[in-house]
Protein backbone atom coordinates (compact mmCIF):
# COMPACT_ATOMS: atom_id res chain seq x y z
CA MET A 1 23.05 5.92 6.86
CA SER A 2 25.63 5.88 9.40
CA PRO A 3 29.52 5.88 8.74
CA VAL A 4 30.27 3.85 12.02
CA GLU A 5 30.51 0.04 12.20
CA GLU A 6 28.86 -0.38 15.69
CA ILE A 7 26.37 1.37 17.80
CA THR A 8 27.72 1.57 21.37
CA SER A 9 26.94 3.77 24.45
CA GLU A 10 29.96 6.06 23.60
CA ASN A 11 28.53 7.08 20.16
CA ILE A 12 24.68 6.20 20.24
CA ILE A 13 23.92 10.08 21.29
CA LEU A 14 25.74 11.42 17.98
CA ALA A 15 24.16 8.77 15.89
CA LEU A 16 21.15 9.54 16.99
CA GLU A 17 21.18 13.35 16.45
CA ALA A 18 22.53 12.64 13.01
CA ALA A 19 19.56 10.26 12.10
CA ILE A 20 16.79 12.40 13.73
CA THR A 21 17.51 15.28 11.43
CA VAL A 22 17.05 13.24 8.19
CA HIS A 23 13.95 11.33 10.17
CA SER A 24 12.26 14.65 10.85
CA THR A 25 12.18 15.50 6.90
CA ASN A 26 10.84 11.65 6.18
CA SER A 27 8.41 12.11 8.80
CA SER A 28 6.82 15.08 7.64
CA ASP A 29 6.73 13.79 4.48
CA ILE A 30 4.82 10.66 5.19
CA ASP A 31 2.44 12.81 7.44
CA TYR A 32 1.61 14.93 4.25
CA LEU A 33 0.95 11.42 2.25
CA TYR A 34 -1.20 10.10 4.99
CA ASN A 35 -3.35 13.00 5.69
CA TYR A 36 -3.56 13.15 1.79
CA TYR A 37 -4.84 9.57 1.92
CA ARG A 38 -7.40 10.32 4.60
CA GLY A 39 -8.74 13.15 2.17
CA ASP A 40 -6.73 16.39 3.68
CA GLN A 41 -5.61 17.46 -0.21
CA PRO A 42 -4.69 20.92 -1.09
CA ILE A 43 -8.20 21.71 -2.82
CA LEU A 44 -9.43 22.15 0.50
CA ASP A 45 -7.48 25.29 0.81
CA ARG A 46 -8.45 26.66 -2.67
CA ILE A 47 -8.69 30.24 -3.04
CA LYS A 48 -11.06 31.97 -5.62
CA THR A 49 -10.62 35.68 -6.29
CA VAL A 50 -13.17 36.10 -9.33
CA ARG A 51 -16.81 35.39 -7.75
CA PRO A 52 -15.31 33.99 -4.58
CA GLU A 53 -18.75 33.29 -3.35
CA ILE A 54 -18.61 30.35 -5.63
CA ASN A 55 -15.75 28.36 -4.62
CA ASN A 56 -16.34 24.42 -4.57
CA LYS A 57 -13.67 22.46 -3.04
CA ILE A 58 -14.17 18.69 -4.09
CA VAL A 59 -12.03 15.90 -3.40
CA GLU A 60 -11.90 12.96 -5.58
CA ASN A 61 -9.62 10.64 -3.58
CA HIS A 62 -8.26 8.69 -5.74
CA ALA A 63 -5.00 8.39 -3.43
CA LEU A 64 -7.51 6.22 -1.24
CA GLU A 65 -8.48 4.13 -4.37
CA ILE A 66 -4.79 3.18 -5.56
CA VAL A 67 -3.68 2.13 -2.12
CA ASP A 68 -6.94 0.30 -1.36
CA PHE A 69 -6.59 -1.57 -4.92
CA LYS A 70 -2.86 -2.39 -4.34
CA LYS A 71 -3.58 -3.67 -0.91
CA GLY A 72 -6.30 -5.54 -1.78
CA TYR A 73 -5.00 -6.92 -4.62
CA GLU A 74 -1.34 -7.98 -3.51
CA PHE A 75 -2.23 -8.53 0.01
CA GLY A 76 -5.82 -9.35 -0.03
CA GLU A 77 -4.81 -13.32 0.40
CA GLN A 78 -2.95 -14.65 3.07
CA ILE A 79 0.74 -14.73 2.93
CA GLN A 80 1.98 -18.53 3.28
CA TYR A 81 5.35 -20.06 4.16
CA VAL A 82 5.75 -23.20 2.25
CA ARG A 83 8.11 -25.87 1.96
CA ARG A 84 11.46 -25.44 -0.19
CA GLY A 85 13.35 -28.42 -0.85
CA LYS A 86 13.07 -32.00 -0.81
CA ASP A 87 12.95 -32.60 3.24
CA GLU A 88 9.44 -33.94 3.90
CA SER A 89 9.64 -34.12 7.65
CA VAL A 90 9.92 -30.29 7.43
CA SER A 91 6.35 -29.86 6.22
CA GLU A 92 5.08 -30.75 9.66
CA LYS A 93 6.99 -27.96 10.89
CA ILE A 94 6.14 -25.02 8.67
CA ASN A 95 2.69 -26.23 9.43
CA GLN A 96 3.01 -25.01 13.08
CA LEU A 97 4.96 -22.20 11.99
CA ASN A 98 1.84 -20.93 9.95
CA ASP A 99 -0.51 -21.86 12.92
CA PHE A 100 1.64 -19.61 15.24
CA MET A 101 1.74 -16.89 12.39
CA PHE A 102 -2.34 -17.40 12.78
CA SER A 103 -2.49 -17.13 16.57
CA ALA A 104 -0.30 -13.77 16.47
CA ASN A 105 -2.89 -12.38 13.88
CA LYS A 106 -0.34 -11.92 11.18
CA VAL A 107 -2.99 -11.55 8.44
CA SER A 108 -4.38 -8.42 10.05
CA GLN A 109 -0.91 -7.39 10.70
CA ASP A 110 0.07 -7.81 7.09
CA ALA A 111 -3.00 -5.66 6.30
CA LYS A 112 -1.62 -2.78 8.18
CA LEU A 113 1.63 -2.84 7.10
CA ALA A 114 0.47 -2.99 3.28
CA GLU A 115 -1.19 0.26 4.13
CA TRP A 116 1.61 2.18 5.19
CA PHE A 117 3.76 0.51 2.49
CA TYR A 118 1.83 1.77 0.04
CA ILE A 119 0.87 5.15 1.36
CA SER A 120 4.29 6.31 2.51
CA GLY A 121 6.87 4.15 0.62
CA THR A 122 7.93 2.28 3.79
CA SER A 123 6.58 0.42 6.63
CA PHE A 124 7.95 -1.19 9.97
CA ARG A 125 7.31 -4.47 11.61
CA MET A 126 8.36 -5.47 15.12
CA VAL A 127 8.64 -8.86 16.64
CA LEU A 128 9.65 -9.79 20.40
CA PRO A 129 9.27 -12.82 22.21
CA LYS A 130 6.28 -13.47 24.48
CA SER A 131 6.84 -14.99 27.64
CA ASP A 132 2.94 -16.09 28.19
CA ASP A 133 0.59 -18.52 26.64
CA LEU A 134 3.65 -20.28 24.57
CA ASP A 135 1.31 -23.06 23.37
CA GLU A 136 -0.43 -20.38 21.31
CA THR A 137 2.68 -18.53 20.09
CA PRO A 138 5.94 -17.65 21.60
CA PHE A 139 6.14 -14.34 19.81
CA GLU A 140 4.35 -11.04 19.34
CA ILE A 141 4.81 -8.89 16.09
CA ASP A 142 3.07 -5.09 15.98
CA VAL A 143 3.12 -2.80 12.97
CA LEU A 144 5.11 0.54 13.98
CA ASP A 145 4.01 3.96 12.61
CA PRO A 146 6.69 4.98 10.23
CA ARG A 147 6.43 8.52 11.27
CA TYR A 148 7.62 7.68 14.47
CA THR A 149 10.21 4.80 13.40
CA PHE A 150 13.19 4.68 11.55
CA VAL A 151 16.19 2.26 11.11
CA VAL A 152 19.63 3.17 10.63
CA TYR A 153 21.99 1.61 8.11
CA SER A 154 26.15 1.21 7.63
CA SER A 155 27.11 3.06 5.03
CA GLY A 156 29.87 0.58 4.14
CA PHE A 157 29.49 -2.60 2.40
CA GLY A 158 25.97 -4.54 2.70
CA ASN A 159 24.40 -1.52 4.34
CA HIS A 160 23.49 -3.97 7.19
CA PRO A 161 21.13 -2.21 9.83
CA LEU A 162 22.75 -0.68 12.76
CA MET A 163 19.77 0.48 15.00
CA GLY A 164 16.27 0.12 15.16
CA VAL A 165 14.60 3.39 16.68
CA LYS A 166 11.12 4.21 17.87
CA SER A 167 9.85 7.35 19.70
CA ILE A 168 6.98 7.97 22.02
CA LYS A 169 5.75 10.82 23.87
CA THR A 170 5.84 10.54 27.64
CA LEU A 171 3.34 11.86 30.13
CA ASP A 172 5.58 15.04 30.75
CA ASP A 173 5.21 15.54 26.97
CA LYS A 174 8.94 14.66 26.42
CA VAL A 175 10.04 12.45 23.58
CA ARG A 176 11.77 9.04 24.60
CA TYR A 177 13.98 6.99 21.83
CA GLN A 178 13.68 3.42 22.20
CA ILE A 179 16.53 1.89 20.39
CA TYR A 180 17.55 -1.74 19.72
CA THR A 181 20.95 -2.58 18.44
CA PRO A 182 21.90 -6.38 17.63
CA LYS A 183 23.02 -6.60 21.18
CA GLU A 184 21.63 -3.82 23.08
CA TYR A 185 18.29 -1.89 24.28
CA PHE A 186 18.77 2.00 25.04
CA GLU A 187 16.40 4.63 26.19
CA ILE A 188 17.40 8.19 25.33
CA GLU A 189 15.43 11.16 26.73
CA GLU A 190 16.66 14.95 26.02
CA GLU A 191 20.23 13.37 24.96
CA GLN A 192 20.73 11.42 28.23
CA ILE A 193 20.67 7.67 28.18
CA ILE A 194 18.18 6.48 30.92
CA LYS A 195 17.99 2.67 30.42
CA VAL A 196 20.39 0.32 28.85
CA GLU A 197 20.45 -3.57 29.09
CA PRO A 198 21.55 -6.49 26.71
CA HIS A 199 19.05 -8.59 24.85
CA ALA A 200 19.73 -12.29 23.30
CA LEU A 201 17.93 -11.66 20.33
CA GLY A 202 20.95 -11.20 18.21
CA MET A 203 19.39 -8.97 15.82
CA ILE A 204 17.40 -5.78 15.55
CA PRO A 205 13.75 -6.63 16.26
CA ILE A 206 12.64 -3.46 14.29
CA ILE A 207 12.37 -4.58 10.43
CA GLU A 208 11.86 -1.87 7.54
CA TYR A 209 9.61 -3.29 4.51
CA PRO A 210 10.70 -0.74 1.95
CA ALA A 211 8.18 -0.59 -1.08
CA ASN A 212 10.77 -0.02 -3.26
CA PRO A 213 14.58 0.99 -3.48
CA SER A 214 13.55 4.66 -3.75
CA ARG A 215 10.76 4.16 -0.90
CA LEU A 216 8.17 6.16 -3.29
CA GLY A 217 4.60 5.55 -2.09
CA ALA A 218 1.70 4.35 -4.42
CA PHE A 219 0.23 7.79 -5.36
CA GLU A 220 3.30 9.99 -4.39
CA ILE A 221 4.53 9.92 -8.02
CA VAL A 222 0.98 11.12 -9.34
CA LEU A 223 0.45 13.80 -6.77
CA PRO A 224 0.35 16.92 -9.65
CA LEU A 225 -2.21 14.70 -11.47
CA LEU A 226 -4.42 14.12 -8.70
CA ASP A 227 -4.56 17.65 -7.75
CA THR A 228 -5.33 18.95 -11.17
CA LEU A 229 -8.28 16.25 -11.13
CA ASN A 230 -9.50 17.79 -7.74
CA ASN A 231 -8.82 21.30 -9.38
CA MET A 232 -11.08 20.27 -12.59
CA ALA A 233 -13.88 18.87 -10.46
CA SER A 234 -14.15 21.81 -8.40
CA ASN A 235 -13.94 24.04 -11.35
CA ARG A 236 -16.79 22.24 -13.36
CA MET A 237 -19.00 22.56 -10.24
CA ASP A 238 -18.30 26.02 -10.17
CA GLY A 239 -18.90 26.29 -13.71
CA ILE A 240 -22.79 25.15 -13.18
CA GLU A 241 -23.09 26.99 -10.28
CA GLN A 242 -21.77 30.26 -11.96
CA PHE A 243 -24.47 29.37 -14.75
CA VAL A 244 -27.29 29.08 -12.69
CA GLN A 245 -26.33 32.16 -10.89
CA SER A 246 -25.80 34.30 -13.91
CA PHE A 247 -25.38 38.17 -13.54
CA MET A 248 -28.29 40.38 -14.83
CA LYS A 249 -27.08 42.52 -17.37
CA PHE A 250 -29.36 46.28 -17.90
CA VAL A 251 -28.95 48.08 -21.06
CA ASN A 252 -30.14 51.80 -21.09
CA CYS A 253 -32.35 51.53 -18.02
CA ASP A 254 -31.80 52.44 -14.52
CA ILE A 255 -32.82 50.03 -11.56
CA ASP A 256 -32.65 50.66 -7.93
CA GLU A 257 -32.15 47.87 -5.09
CA THR A 258 -36.24 47.91 -4.47
CA SER A 259 -37.05 47.35 -8.13
CA PHE A 260 -34.25 44.67 -8.57
CA GLN A 261 -35.69 42.98 -5.30
CA ALA A 262 -39.33 43.08 -6.72
CA LEU A 263 -37.62 41.66 -9.94
CA LYS A 264 -36.50 38.62 -8.16
CA ASP A 265 -39.69 38.23 -6.20
CA MET A 266 -42.00 38.46 -9.01
CA GLY A 267 -39.89 37.34 -11.84
CA ALA A 268 -40.58 40.09 -14.35
CA ILE A 269 -39.78 43.56 -14.95
CA LYS A 270 -41.15 46.57 -17.05
CA ILE A 271 -38.60 48.77 -18.82
CA LYS A 272 -39.21 51.88 -20.97
CA GLY A 273 -36.63 52.52 -23.84
CA GLU A 274 -36.17 55.67 -25.57
CA PRO A 275 -35.60 56.75 -29.50
CA GLY A 276 -32.21 55.64 -30.23
CA ASN A 277 -31.57 54.09 -27.17
CA PRO A 278 -33.43 51.02 -26.66
CA ALA A 279 -33.45 49.31 -23.27
CA ASP A 280 -32.81 45.76 -22.51
CA VAL A 281 -32.37 43.24 -19.78
CA ASP A 282 -30.49 39.93 -20.24
CA ILE A 283 -28.44 37.60 -18.35
CA VAL A 284 -24.60 37.09 -18.68
CA SER A 285 -23.81 33.45 -19.13
CA LYS A 286 -21.25 31.34 -20.87
CA GLU A 287 -22.12 27.60 -20.02
CA LEU A 288 -19.04 25.17 -19.68
CA ASN A 289 -18.34 22.66 -22.20
CA GLN A 290 -18.94 19.66 -20.21
CA THR A 291 -17.99 17.28 -22.99
CA GLN A 292 -14.60 18.91 -23.84
CA ALA A 293 -13.86 18.85 -19.90
CA GLN A 294 -14.84 15.28 -19.55
CA VAL A 295 -12.38 14.20 -22.35
CA SER A 296 -9.37 16.16 -20.37
CA LYS A 297 -10.31 14.57 -17.01
CA ASP A 298 -10.75 11.10 -18.76
CA ASP A 299 -6.92 11.34 -20.16
CA LEU A 300 -5.49 12.62 -16.56
CA TYR A 301 -7.21 9.88 -14.91
CA GLN A 302 -6.11 7.51 -17.60
CA MET A 303 -2.29 8.67 -17.18
CA VAL A 304 -2.69 8.04 -13.42
CA LEU A 305 -3.63 4.41 -14.00
CA ILE A 306 -0.87 3.67 -16.38
CA ILE A 307 1.98 5.25 -14.14
CA CYS A 308 0.43 3.58 -10.90
CA GLY A 309 0.12 0.19 -12.66
CA MET A 310 -3.58 -0.19 -12.18
CA PRO A 311 -6.28 -1.90 -14.37
CA ASN A 312 -8.32 0.63 -16.75
CA ARG A 313 -12.05 1.35 -16.19
CA ASN A 314 -13.45 0.91 -19.40
CA GLY A 315 -17.16 1.72 -18.68
CA GLY A 316 -18.19 -1.82 -19.32
CA SER A 317 -17.79 -1.37 -23.20
CA SER A 318 -18.53 -4.49 -25.06
CA THR A 319 -15.56 -6.04 -27.38
CA SER A 320 -14.84 -9.58 -28.85
CA ASP A 321 -12.19 -9.93 -26.66
CA THR A 322 -12.26 -12.60 -24.07
CA GLY A 323 -9.76 -14.24 -21.64
CA ALA A 324 -6.07 -13.19 -21.75
CA ALA A 325 -6.81 -10.58 -24.67
CA VAL A 326 -9.08 -9.16 -21.64
CA ILE A 327 -6.46 -9.48 -19.13
CA LEU A 328 -3.88 -7.32 -21.34
CA ARG A 329 -6.02 -4.62 -23.03
CA ASP A 330 -7.51 -3.74 -19.46
CA GLY A 331 -4.18 -3.38 -17.71
CA TRP A 332 -4.33 -6.18 -15.57
CA SER A 333 -0.95 -7.75 -16.78
CA ALA A 334 0.46 -4.37 -16.13
CA ALA A 335 -1.11 -4.74 -12.56
CA GLU A 336 0.46 -8.17 -12.01
CA SER A 337 3.90 -7.26 -13.27
CA ARG A 338 3.98 -4.39 -10.52
CA ALA A 339 2.95 -6.76 -7.81
CA LYS A 340 5.43 -9.36 -9.07
CA ALA A 341 8.31 -6.82 -8.67
CA THR A 342 6.73 -5.70 -5.30
CA GLU A 343 6.84 -9.45 -3.83
CA VAL A 344 10.38 -9.34 -4.54
CA VAL A 345 11.38 -6.41 -2.49
CA TYR A 346 9.05 -7.76 0.09
CA LYS A 347 10.11 -11.07 0.39
CA GLU A 348 13.88 -9.82 1.17
CA SER A 349 12.41 -7.97 4.20
CA ASP A 350 10.37 -10.94 5.19
CA LYS A 351 13.43 -12.94 5.21
CA LYS A 352 15.31 -10.75 8.01
CA PHE A 353 11.72 -10.91 10.12
CA LEU A 354 11.64 -14.99 9.39
CA LYS A 355 15.14 -15.46 10.57
CA LEU A 356 14.50 -13.69 14.09
CA VAL A 357 11.21 -15.42 14.07
CA LEU A 358 12.95 -18.83 13.84
CA ARG A 359 15.38 -17.92 16.54
CA ILE A 360 12.89 -17.02 18.85
CA VAL A 361 10.92 -20.68 18.23
CA ARG A 362 13.69 -22.52 18.25
CA ASP A 363 15.01 -21.11 21.64
CA MET A 364 11.39 -21.05 23.14
CA VAL A 365 9.58 -24.03 21.88
CA GLY A 366 11.93 -26.25 20.14
CA LEU A 367 11.00 -26.04 16.67
CA ASP A 368 14.07 -26.13 14.75
CA LEU A 369 13.41 -24.74 11.15
CA LYS A 370 16.13 -23.16 8.81
CA LEU A 371 15.27 -20.36 6.71
CA SER A 372 16.37 -22.06 3.54
CA ASP A 373 13.54 -24.50 4.26
CA ILE A 374 10.66 -21.95 4.06
CA ASP A 375 9.72 -20.38 0.62
CA ILE A 376 7.23 -17.22 0.89
CA LYS A 377 4.22 -17.73 -1.12
CA PHE A 378 1.86 -14.67 -2.05
CA ASN A 379 -1.50 -16.03 -3.05
CA ARG A 380 -3.75 -13.99 -5.70
CA ARG A 381 -6.70 -14.70 -8.10
CA GLN A 382 -7.08 -18.15 -7.21
CA ASN A 383 -10.28 -18.65 -8.96
CA ASP A 384 -9.22 -16.92 -12.14
CA ASN A 385 -9.25 -19.43 -15.07
CA LEU A 386 -9.96 -22.27 -12.52
CA LEU A 387 -10.64 -24.83 -15.34
CA VAL A 388 -6.95 -23.94 -16.80
CA LYS A 389 -5.24 -24.39 -12.98
CA THR A 390 -6.76 -27.51 -12.34
CA GLN A 391 -5.97 -28.90 -15.56
CA GLY A 392 -2.56 -27.79 -15.37
CA LEU A 393 -2.43 -29.38 -11.79
CA GLN A 394 -3.46 -32.48 -13.12
CA ASN A 395 -0.91 -32.36 -16.27
CA MET A 396 1.84 -31.46 -13.73
CA LEU A 397 1.06 -34.40 -11.29
CA GLU A 398 0.65 -36.80 -14.69
CA ALA A 399 4.22 -35.66 -15.84
CA GLY A 400 5.77 -36.54 -12.48
CA VAL A 401 6.04 -33.50 -10.90
CA HIS A 402 6.18 -33.88 -6.84
CA PRO A 403 2.73 -33.35 -5.81
CA LEU A 404 3.60 -30.19 -3.16
CA VAL A 405 5.62 -28.66 -6.37
CA ALA A 406 2.46 -28.94 -8.54
CA ILE A 407 0.11 -27.58 -5.54
CA THR A 408 2.15 -24.63 -4.78
CA THR A 409 2.69 -24.00 -8.32
CA CYS A 410 -0.85 -24.15 -9.96
CA GLY A 411 -2.10 -21.03 -7.98
CA LEU A 412 -5.37 -22.75 -6.32
CA PHE A 413 -4.67 -22.76 -2.95
CA ASN A 414 -3.93 -20.28 0.01
CA ASP A 415 -1.80 -22.59 2.22
CA ALA A 416 -0.01 -25.37 -0.14
CA THR A 417 1.76 -27.20 2.53
CA ASP A 418 -1.56 -27.72 4.84
CA VAL A 419 -3.37 -28.71 1.33
CA TYR A 420 -0.22 -31.05 0.88
CA SER A 421 -0.65 -32.51 4.17
CA GLN A 422 -4.19 -33.39 4.33
CA SER A 423 -4.22 -34.66 0.55
CA LYS A 424 -1.31 -37.03 1.44
CA GLU A 425 -3.28 -39.88 1.55
CA TYR A 426 -5.06 -39.25 -1.96
CA LEU A 427 -1.73 -38.42 -3.55
CA LYS A 428 0.04 -41.37 -2.74
CA LYS A 429 -0.67 -42.89 -6.05
CA TRP A 430 1.23 -39.53 -7.60
CA GLU A 431 4.06 -39.84 -5.38
CA ASP A 432 4.69 -43.85 -5.85
CA LYS A 433 4.26 -43.14 -9.72
CA LYS A 434 7.37 -43.53 -11.76
CA PRO A 435 8.15 -41.93 -15.12
CA GLU A 436 7.35 -44.09 -18.11
CA LYS A 437 10.45 -44.99 -19.86
CA THR A 438 10.27 -44.32 -23.61
CA LEU A 439 12.06 -45.51 -26.57
CA PRO A 440 14.57 -43.58 -27.88
CA SER A 441 13.35 -42.05 -31.44
CA HIS A 442 15.38 -42.79 -34.51
């Protein structure tokens, strides 16, 4: 946050210095979460003081599991832009916009965005006009590393963005900041402005996509539980190894190193006791109760799933539950509710991205679309309850719901606008159908 109303050449150095102080802390946290996701977790630095030669370091990478599940569940299918409102002439324009997004590889870019989105709690997308090959797409998009990117917002009403910043390392190992404001582009190196030029975008081309208002990563809140699961798995393996490699106990008998080595080689020993002092050789061992340890581990893992809003793993147990009961019991409803909450936050940022894209396509290829013409459609679980969804589509059509609204609502198709355009000829009877008049009841 910055208290200034506008970033200019006069105040940009001070504003950048204040922002870098905050960003350095954020960048360090993001780097820790990213390495944790990749398997570099605290258990690898474990120090064991008792029997240090048996020191297993096991990483159960549930952070990867959480991020990959959420990324696949919520962003596994292509995010589509569909028509909003009654203007039918908009449908073809939206189809062209979706074609541009396809050419710009937005699907793969969304996957990268979602990965940072869930690892660090925030992510950044950049969009700029493209001067060549306008027939394919007049813009190009990129996902930026949040460790080297940030957006500064106004601390005043509305918290509108003041500048977007990305840093790069130069060949001579200096840090160069590339900064966009709504009107100008700056390059700053060693607290000196080395380049400034105006741009005609009218917006900051770096858009932040926070995962939630608190910018919490998907597994960040359960880090202590994940560390405990790693510690438990390592201790259990230590327990097994220590049971196998138990100490030998010699009672009332002396044995030197040579005799002990012969014992290990031959597997037997001869000892002699004295009256009143019987001799004995035994193994000092206490086996870990694996059943109790598993109960504790299952409880911790269940808490991780509940807190992160993920479905349960019930081991395929057979019950009489079917359909919606299974969805409720196994936590899929919780996963869906979290996904819907994520959609709301994502759409707010994606509208800023769309607003800039629409300006670029209007200026460069003459595609005239308004933000209010477009709705952002997430597609999940198209094949679940297929019969119910198809029956729902048919019921909506028969009830007089507009075919595009019915196709969009039923959840069967990735690109509702494209399906509607291709099916227009077949849907004509539903479009021309008028609701039947019914006599008032007495």
